[in-house]
Amino acid sequence: MGIHWTELVVVAFVALLIFGPKRLPEIGGAVGRTYREFRKSLGEVSELAANELALPARALPPATSGAEAAAADRTPHDAAASHG
């Protein structure tokens, strides 16, 4: 999906009517600079994200199952109460 050439002509004509022939080149230059800066920033963010994703993952301790974690969390008092 993009802008068709006829839509671009209509936008250019409306801009010419609004801003006039003297200001149109400076506005076009400002739009071009803004677009260029946006693309540059987008490229930097993409590169930063790619670098972060390329880093090795930190080592994490092995995961335990839910039953093992529940048993490890029990205190001796809890164990005696459940048998009692």
PDB file of N, CA and C in Angstrom:
ATOM      1  N   MET A   1       0.857  -1.174   0.000  1.00  0.00           N
ATOM      2  CA  MET A   1       0.000   0.000   0.000  1.00  0.00           C
ATOM      3  C   MET A   1       0.899   1.233   0.000  1.00  0.00           C
ATOM      4  N   GLY A   2       0.734   2.068  -0.976  1.00  0.00           N
ATOM      5  CA  GLY A   2       1.530   3.274  -1.078  1.00  0.00           C
ATOM      6  C   GLY A   2       0.696   4.413  -1.618  1.00  0.00           C
ATOM      7  N   ILE A   3       1.368   5.497  -1.884  1.00  0.00           N
ATOM      8  CA  ILE A   3       0.680   6.663  -2.431  1.00  0.00           C
ATOM      9  C   ILE A   3       0.756   6.578  -3.950  1.00  0.00           C
ATOM     10  N   HIS A   4      -0.379   6.654  -4.591  1.00  0.00           N
ATOM     11  CA  HIS A   4      -0.433   6.634  -6.046  1.00  0.00           C
ATOM     12  C   HIS A   4       0.014   7.999  -6.558  1.00  0.00           C
ATOM     13  N   TRP A   5       0.492   8.065  -7.780  1.00  0.00           N
ATOM     14  CA  TRP A   5       1.037   9.323  -8.298  1.00  0.00           C
ATOM     15  C   TRP A   5      -0.033  10.407  -8.379  1.00  0.00           C
ATOM     16  N   THR A   6      -1.281  10.035  -8.627  1.00  0.00           N
ATOM     17  CA  THR A   6      -2.334  11.061  -8.700  1.00  0.00           C
ATOM     18  C   THR A   6      -2.594  11.683  -7.326  1.00  0.00           C
ATOM     19  N   GLU A   7      -2.502  10.864  -6.282  1.00  0.00           N
ATOM     20  CA  GLU A   7      -2.660  11.401  -4.925  1.00  0.00           C
ATOM     21  C   GLU A   7      -1.524  12.356  -4.591  1.00  0.00           C
ATOM     22  N   LEU A   8      -0.326  12.019  -5.036  1.00  0.00           N
ATOM     23  CA  LEU A   8       0.829  12.882  -4.807  1.00  0.00           C
ATOM     24  C   LEU A   8       0.664  14.222  -5.519  1.00  0.00           C
ATOM     25  N   VAL A   9       0.118  14.207  -6.727  1.00  0.00           N
ATOM     26  CA  VAL A   9      -0.124  15.443  -7.471  1.00  0.00           C
ATOM     27  C   VAL A   9      -1.146  16.312  -6.741  1.00  0.00           C
ATOM     28  N   VAL A  10      -2.199  15.704  -6.221  1.00  0.00           N
ATOM     29  CA  VAL A  10      -3.222  16.461  -5.487  1.00  0.00           C
ATOM     30  C   VAL A  10      -2.617  17.085  -4.231  1.00  0.00           C
ATOM     31  N   VAL A  11      -1.818  16.323  -3.495  1.00  0.00           N
ATOM     32  CA  VAL A  11      -1.175  16.851  -2.285  1.00  0.00           C
ATOM     33  C   VAL A  11      -0.238  18.003  -2.642  1.00  0.00           C
ATOM     34  N   ALA A  12       0.534  17.853  -3.710  1.00  0.00           N
ATOM     35  CA  ALA A  12       1.442  18.922  -4.131  1.00  0.00           C
ATOM     36  C   ALA A  12       0.665  20.172  -4.538  1.00  0.00           C
ATOM     37  N   PHE A  13      -0.444  19.998  -5.229  1.00  0.00           N
ATOM     38  CA  PHE A  13      -1.255  21.144  -5.646  1.00  0.00           C
ATOM     39  C   PHE A  13      -1.841  21.868  -4.438  1.00  0.00           C
ATOM     40  N   VAL A  14      -2.357  21.120  -3.477  1.00  0.00           N
ATOM     41  CA  VAL A  14      -2.914  21.736  -2.263  1.00  0.00           C
ATOM     42  C   VAL A  14      -1.812  22.460  -1.490  1.00  0.00           C
ATOM     43  N   ALA A  15      -0.639  21.855  -1.393  1.00  0.00           N
ATOM     44  CA  ALA A  15       0.478  22.505  -0.702  1.00  0.00           C
ATOM     45  C   ALA A  15       0.873  23.789  -1.419  1.00  0.00           C
ATOM     46  N   LEU A  16       0.863  23.779  -2.735  1.00  0.00           N
ATOM     47  CA  LEU A  16       1.179  24.975  -3.512  1.00  0.00           C
ATOM     48  C   LEU A  16       0.165  26.074  -3.243  1.00  0.00           C
ATOM     49  N   LEU A  17      -1.102  25.711  -3.156  1.00  0.00           N
ATOM     50  CA  LEU A  17      -2.141  26.705  -2.866  1.00  0.00           C
ATOM     51  C   LEU A  17      -2.003  27.272  -1.452  1.00  0.00           C
ATOM     52  N   ILE A  18      -1.681  26.412  -0.492  1.00  0.00           N
ATOM     53  CA  ILE A  18      -1.605  26.856   0.907  1.00  0.00           C
ATOM     54  C   ILE A  18      -0.348  27.683   1.163  1.00  0.00           C
ATOM     55  N   PHE A  19       0.810  27.190   0.730  1.00  0.00           N
ATOM     56  CA  PHE A  19       2.075  27.833   1.093  1.00  0.00           C
ATOM     57  C   PHE A  19       2.606  28.789   0.035  1.00  0.00           C
ATOM     58  N   GLY A  20       2.179  28.656  -1.180  1.00  0.00           N
ATOM     59  CA  GLY A  20       2.661  29.533  -2.236  1.00  0.00           C
ATOM     60  C   GLY A  20       3.954  29.023  -2.836  1.00  0.00           C
ATOM     61  N   PRO A  21       4.296  29.542  -4.023  1.00  0.00           N
ATOM     62  CA  PRO A  21       5.479  29.041  -4.732  1.00  0.00           C
ATOM     63  C   PRO A  21       6.806  29.423  -4.080  1.00  0.00           C
ATOM     64  N   LYS A  22       6.831  30.482  -3.268  1.00  0.00           N
ATOM     65  CA  LYS A  22       8.096  30.897  -2.657  1.00  0.00           C
ATOM     66  C   LYS A  22       8.478  30.016  -1.470  1.00  0.00           C
ATOM     67  N   ARG A  23       7.497  29.608  -0.672  1.00  0.00           N
ATOM     68  CA  ARG A  23       7.795  28.825   0.533  1.00  0.00           C
ATOM     69  C   ARG A  23       7.819  27.326   0.278  1.00  0.00           C
ATOM     70  N   LEU A  24       7.273  26.879  -0.843  1.00  0.00           N
ATOM     71  CA  LEU A  24       7.182  25.444  -1.112  1.00  0.00           C
ATOM     72  C   LEU A  24       8.555  24.751  -1.143  1.00  0.00           C
ATOM     73  N   PRO A  25       9.590  25.321  -1.777  1.00  0.00           N
ATOM     74  CA  PRO A  25      10.898  24.649  -1.761  1.00  0.00           C
ATOM     75  C   PRO A  25      11.488  24.508  -0.355  1.00  0.00           C
ATOM     76  N   GLU A  26      11.336  25.529   0.482  1.00  0.00           N
ATOM     77  CA  GLU A  26      11.900  25.422   1.836  1.00  0.00           C
ATOM     78  C   GLU A  26      11.117  24.411   2.674  1.00  0.00           C
ATOM     79  N   ILE A  27       9.807  24.332   2.465  1.00  0.00           N
ATOM     80  CA  ILE A  27       9.002  23.342   3.184  1.00  0.00           C
ATOM     81  C   ILE A  27       9.353  21.938   2.699  1.00  0.00           C
ATOM     82  N   GLY A  28       9.549  21.789   1.411  1.00  0.00           N
ATOM     83  CA  GLY A  28       9.960  20.490   0.871  1.00  0.00           C
ATOM     84  C   GLY A  28      11.303  20.049   1.430  1.00  0.00           C
ATOM     85  N   GLY A  29      12.233  20.991   1.544  1.00  0.00           N
ATOM     86  CA  GLY A  29      13.536  20.674   2.129  1.00  0.00           C
ATOM     87  C   GLY A  29      13.422  20.262   3.585  1.00  0.00           C
ATOM     88  N   ALA A  30      12.571  20.964   4.332  1.00  0.00           N
ATOM     89  CA  ALA A  30      12.375  20.628   5.744  1.00  0.00           C
ATOM     90  C   ALA A  30      11.747  19.242   5.890  1.00  0.00           C
ATOM     91  N   VAL A  31      10.791  18.936   5.028  1.00  0.00           N
ATOM     92  CA  VAL A  31      10.165  17.610   5.070  1.00  0.00           C
ATOM     93  C   VAL A  31      11.200  16.536   4.733  1.00  0.00           C
ATOM     94  N   GLY A  32      12.032  16.795   3.748  1.00  0.00           N
ATOM     95  CA  GLY A  32      13.077  15.840   3.371  1.00  0.00           C
ATOM     96  C   GLY A  32      14.078  15.608   4.492  1.00  0.00           C
ATOM     97  N   ARG A  33      14.510  16.686   5.146  1.00  0.00           N
ATOM     98  CA  ARG A  33      15.448  16.555   6.273  1.00  0.00           C
ATOM     99  C   ARG A  33      14.820  15.775   7.423  1.00  0.00           C
ATOM    100  N   THR A  34      13.567  16.085   7.708  1.00  0.00           N
ATOM    101  CA  THR A  34      12.869  15.388   8.791  1.00  0.00           C
ATOM    102  C   THR A  34      12.747  13.905   8.485  1.00  0.00           C
ATOM    103  N   TYR A  35      12.397  13.579   7.263  1.00  0.00           N
ATOM    104  CA  TYR A  35      12.279  12.180   6.855  1.00  0.00           C
ATOM    105  C   TYR A  35      13.628  11.469   6.949  1.00  0.00           C
ATOM    106  N   ARG A  36      14.693  12.139   6.511  1.00  0.00           N
ATOM    107  CA  ARG A  36      16.033  11.560   6.561  1.00  0.00           C
ATOM    108  C   ARG A  36      16.455  11.291   8.007  1.00  0.00           C
ATOM    109  N   GLU A  37      16.189  12.242   8.908  1.00  0.00           N
ATOM    110  CA  GLU A  37      16.519  12.057  10.321  1.00  0.00           C
ATOM    111  C   GLU A  37      15.704  10.914  10.931  1.00  0.00           C
ATOM    112  N   PHE A  38      14.446  10.826  10.562  1.00  0.00           N
ATOM    113  CA  PHE A  38      13.594   9.740  11.055  1.00  0.00           C
ATOM    114  C   PHE A  38      14.150   8.390  10.627  1.00  0.00           C
ATOM    115  N   ARG A  39      14.518   8.272   9.350  1.00  0.00           N
ATOM    116  CA  ARG A  39      15.071   7.010   8.851  1.00  0.00           C
ATOM    117  C   ARG A  39      16.388   6.672   9.545  1.00  0.00           C
ATOM    118  N   LYS A  40      17.222   7.684   9.785  1.00  0.00           N
ATOM    119  CA  LYS A  40      18.494   7.474  10.472  1.00  0.00           C
ATOM    120  C   LYS A  40      18.253   6.967  11.890  1.00  0.00           C
ATOM    121  N   SER A  41      17.340   7.594  12.608  1.00  0.00           N
ATOM    122  CA  SER A  41      17.024   7.176  13.975  1.00  0.00           C
ATOM    123  C   SER A  41      16.437   5.775  13.994  1.00  0.00           C
ATOM    124  N   LEU A  42      15.583   5.481  13.041  1.00  0.00           N
ATOM    125  CA  LEU A  42      14.983   4.155  12.957  1.00  0.00           C
ATOM    126  C   LEU A  42      16.060   3.098  12.712  1.00  0.00           C
ATOM    127  N   GLY A  43      17.027   3.413  11.869  1.00  0.00           N
ATOM    128  CA  GLY A  43      18.129   2.487  11.617  1.00  0.00           C
ATOM    129  C   GLY A  43      18.979   2.264  12.853  1.00  0.00           C
ATOM    130  N   GLU A  44      19.227   3.335  13.625  1.00  0.00           N
ATOM    131  CA  GLU A  44      20.010   3.209  14.850  1.00  0.00           C
ATOM    132  C   GLU A  44      19.282   2.348  15.877  1.00  0.00           C
ATOM    133  N   VAL A  45      17.979   2.543  16.004  1.00  0.00           N
ATOM    134  CA  VAL A  45      17.198   1.743  16.949  1.00  0.00           C
ATOM    135  C   VAL A  45      17.189   0.280  16.514  1.00  0.00           C
ATOM    136  N   SER A  46      17.038   0.035  15.229  1.00  0.00           N
ATOM    137  CA  SER A  46      17.043  -1.341  14.721  1.00  0.00           C
ATOM    138  C   SER A  46      18.390  -2.003  14.974  1.00  0.00           C
ATOM    139  N   GLU A  47      19.466  -1.260  14.763  1.00  0.00           N
ATOM    140  CA  GLU A  47      20.803  -1.797  14.994  1.00  0.00           C
ATOM    141  C   GLU A  47      21.015  -2.095  16.475  1.00  0.00           C
ATOM    142  N   LEU A  48      20.568  -1.195  17.343  1.00  0.00           N
ATOM    143  CA  LEU A  48      20.690  -1.405  18.783  1.00  0.00           C
ATOM    144  C   LEU A  48      19.917  -2.648  19.215  1.00  0.00           C
ATOM    145  N   ALA A  49      18.706  -2.805  18.703  1.00  0.00           N
ATOM    146  CA  ALA A  49      17.899  -3.981  19.043  1.00  0.00           C
ATOM    147  C   ALA A  49      18.569  -5.256  18.544  1.00  0.00           C
ATOM    148  N   ALA A  50      19.122  -5.231  17.354  1.00  0.00           N
ATOM    149  CA  ALA A  50      19.797  -6.413  16.811  1.00  0.00           C
ATOM    150  C   ALA A  50      21.019  -6.763  17.651  1.00  0.00           C
ATOM    151  N   ASN A  51      21.764  -5.757  18.098  1.00  0.00           N
ATOM    152  CA  ASN A  51      22.933  -6.007  18.941  1.00  0.00           C
ATOM    153  C   ASN A  51      22.524  -6.599  20.282  1.00  0.00           C
ATOM    154  N   GLU A  52      21.445  -6.090  20.860  1.00  0.00           N
ATOM    155  CA  GLU A  52      20.972  -6.611  22.142  1.00  0.00           C
ATOM    156  C   GLU A  52      20.503  -8.059  21.998  1.00  0.00           C
ATOM    157  N   LEU A  53      19.837  -8.364  20.906  1.00  0.00           N
ATOM    158  CA  LEU A  53      19.357  -9.726  20.698  1.00  0.00           C
ATOM    159  C   LEU A  53      20.496 -10.692  20.402  1.00  0.00           C
ATOM    160  N   ALA A  54      21.619 -10.183  19.906  1.00  0.00           N
ATOM    161  CA  ALA A  54      22.750 -11.039  19.581  1.00  0.00           C
ATOM    162  C   ALA A  54      23.568 -11.396  20.817  1.00  0.00           C
ATOM    163  N   LEU A  55      23.400 -10.667  21.924  1.00  0.00           N
ATOM    164  CA  LEU A  55      24.141 -10.967  23.141  1.00  0.00           C
ATOM    165  C   LEU A  55      23.691 -12.309  23.697  1.00  0.00           C
ATOM    166  N   PRO A  56      24.635 -13.066  24.293  1.00  0.00           N
ATOM    167  CA  PRO A  56      24.225 -14.351  24.870  1.00  0.00           C
ATOM    168  C   PRO A  56      23.307 -14.136  26.071  1.00  0.00           C
ATOM    169  N   ALA A  57      22.405 -15.066  26.259  1.00  0.00           N
ATOM    170  CA  ALA A  57      21.476 -14.973  27.389  1.00  0.00           C
ATOM    171  C   ALA A  57      22.235 -15.233  28.685  1.00  0.00           C
ATOM    172  N   ARG A  58      21.795 -14.565  29.740  1.00  0.00           N
ATOM    173  CA  ARG A  58      22.421 -14.792  31.042  1.00  0.00           C
ATOM    174  C   ARG A  58      22.088 -16.196  31.516  1.00  0.00           C
ATOM    175  N   ALA A  59      23.043 -16.799  32.219  1.00  0.00           N
ATOM    176  CA  ALA A  59      22.816 -18.135  32.753  1.00  0.00           C
ATOM    177  C   ALA A  59      21.840 -18.049  33.920  1.00  0.00           C
ATOM    178  N   LEU A  60      20.814 -18.863  33.863  1.00  0.00           N
ATOM    179  CA  LEU A  60      19.820 -18.916  34.923  1.00  0.00           C
ATOM    180  C   LEU A  60      19.916 -20.269  35.610  1.00  0.00           C
ATOM    181  N   PRO A  61      19.559 -20.328  36.889  1.00  0.00           N
ATOM    182  CA  PRO A  61      19.574 -21.633  37.555  1.00  0.00           C
ATOM    183  C   PRO A  61      18.524 -22.539  36.929  1.00  0.00           C
ATOM    184  N   PRO A  62      18.734 -23.851  37.008  1.00  0.00           N
ATOM    185  CA  PRO A  62      17.758 -24.760  36.399  1.00  0.00           C
ATOM    186  C   PRO A  62      16.391 -24.615  37.057  1.00  0.00           C
ATOM    187  N   ALA A  63      15.371 -24.752  36.270  1.00  0.00           N
ATOM    188  CA  ALA A  63      14.008 -24.621  36.771  1.00  0.00           C
ATOM    189  C   ALA A  63      13.618 -25.875  37.537  1.00  0.00           C
ATOM    190  N   THR A  64      12.775 -25.692  38.546  1.00  0.00           N
ATOM    191  CA  THR A  64      12.263 -26.830  39.302  1.00  0.00           C
ATOM    192  C   THR A  64      10.779 -26.963  39.027  1.00  0.00           C
ATOM    193  N   SER A  65      10.264 -28.162  39.210  1.00  0.00           N
ATOM    194  CA  SER A  65       8.836 -28.360  38.983  1.00  0.00           C
ATOM    195  C   SER A  65       8.050 -27.729  40.123  1.00  0.00           C
ATOM    196  N   GLY A  66       6.773 -27.577  39.964  1.00  0.00           N
ATOM    197  CA  GLY A  66       5.928 -26.966  40.989  1.00  0.00           C
ATOM    198  C   GLY A  66       5.939 -27.761  42.279  1.00  0.00           C
ATOM    199  N   ALA A  67       5.940 -29.104  42.194  1.00  0.00           N
ATOM    200  CA  ALA A  67       5.937 -29.943  43.395  1.00  0.00           C
ATOM    201  C   ALA A  67       7.244 -29.797  44.157  1.00  0.00           C
ATOM    202  N   GLU A  68       8.368 -29.746  43.425  1.00  0.00           N
ATOM    203  CA  GLU A  68       9.662 -29.581  44.087  1.00  0.00           C
ATOM    204  C   GLU A  68       9.750 -28.233  44.772  1.00  0.00           C
ATOM    205  N   ALA A  69       9.240 -27.202  44.129  1.00  0.00           N
ATOM    206  CA  ALA A  69       9.285 -25.869  44.722  1.00  0.00           C
ATOM    207  C   ALA A  69       8.411 -25.803  45.964  1.00  0.00           C
ATOM    208  N   ALA A  70       7.240 -26.444  45.933  1.00  0.00           N
ATOM    209  CA  ALA A  70       6.348 -26.437  47.096  1.00  0.00           C
ATOM    210  C   ALA A  70       6.972 -27.201  48.248  1.00  0.00           C
ATOM    211  N   ALA A  71       7.625 -28.331  47.955  1.00  0.00           N
ATOM    212  CA  ALA A  71       8.272 -29.116  49.005  1.00  0.00           C
ATOM    213  C   ALA A  71       9.444 -28.357  49.606  1.00  0.00           C
ATOM    214  N   ALA A  72      10.163 -27.625  48.791  1.00  0.00           N
ATOM    215  CA  ALA A  72      11.305 -26.862  49.283  1.00  0.00           C
ATOM    216  C   ALA A  72      10.860 -25.698  50.147  1.00  0.00           C
ATOM    217  N   ASP A  73       9.663 -25.166  49.892  1.00  0.00           N
ATOM    218  CA  ASP A  73       9.163 -24.033  50.659  1.00  0.00           C
ATOM    219  C   ASP A  73       8.591 -24.443  52.011  1.00  0.00           C
ATOM    220  N   ARG A  74       8.301 -25.716  52.219  1.00  0.00           N
ATOM    221  CA  ARG A  74       7.738 -26.167  53.493  1.00  0.00           C
ATOM    222  C   ARG A  74       8.769 -26.057  54.607  1.00  0.00           C
ATOM    223  N   THR A  75       8.319 -25.654  55.742  1.00  0.00           N
ATOM    224  CA  THR A  75       9.178 -25.631  56.934  1.00  0.00           C
ATOM    225  C   THR A  75       8.931 -26.916  57.708  1.00  0.00           C
ATOM    226  N   PRO A  76       9.823 -27.289  58.609  1.00  0.00           N
ATOM    227  CA  PRO A  76       9.589 -28.505  59.404  1.00  0.00           C
ATOM    228  C   PRO A  76       8.264 -28.441  60.165  1.00  0.00           C
ATOM    229  N   HIS A  77       7.861 -27.255  60.602  1.00  0.00           N
ATOM    230  CA  HIS A  77       6.599 -27.099  61.318  1.00  0.00           C
ATOM    231  C   HIS A  77       5.419 -27.463  60.412  1.00  0.00           C
ATOM    232  N   ASP A  78       5.485 -27.037  59.128  1.00  0.00           N
ATOM    233  CA  ASP A  78       4.419 -27.357  58.181  1.00  0.00           C
ATOM    234  C   ASP A  78       4.326 -28.860  57.955  1.00  0.00           C
ATOM    235  N   ALA A  79       5.469 -29.520  57.845  1.00  0.00           N
ATOM    236  CA  ALA A  79       5.492 -30.958  57.606  1.00  0.00           C
ATOM    237  C   ALA A  79       4.898 -31.709  58.791  1.00  0.00           C
ATOM    238  N   ALA A  80       5.211 -31.306  60.017  1.00  0.00           N
ATOM    239  CA  ALA A  80       4.681 -31.968  61.212  1.00  0.00           C
ATOM    240  C   ALA A  80       3.179 -31.751  61.323  1.00  0.00           C
ATOM    241  N   ALA A  81       2.695 -30.584  60.960  1.00  0.00           N
ATOM    242  CA  ALA A  81       1.267 -30.282  61.057  1.00  0.00           C
ATOM    243  C   ALA A  81       0.465 -31.103  60.065  1.00  0.00           C
ATOM    244  N   SER A  82       1.033 -31.393  58.891  1.00  0.00           N
ATOM    245  CA  SER A  82       0.292 -32.153  57.895  1.00  0.00           C
ATOM    246  C   SER A  82       0.208 -33.631  58.256  1.00  0.00           C
ATOM    247  N   HIS A  83       1.160 -34.152  59.057  1.00  0.00           N
ATOM    248  CA  HIS A  83       1.140 -35.558  59.457  1.00  0.00           C
ATOM    249  C   HIS A  83       0.366 -35.753  60.749  1.00  0.00           C
ATOM    250  N   GLY A  84       0.089 -34.734  61.475  1.00  0.00           N
ATOM    251  CA  GLY A  84      -0.382 -34.794  62.825  1.00  0.00           C
ATOM    252  C   GLY A  84      -1.770 -34.964  63.071  1.00  0.00           C
TER     253      GLY A  84
END
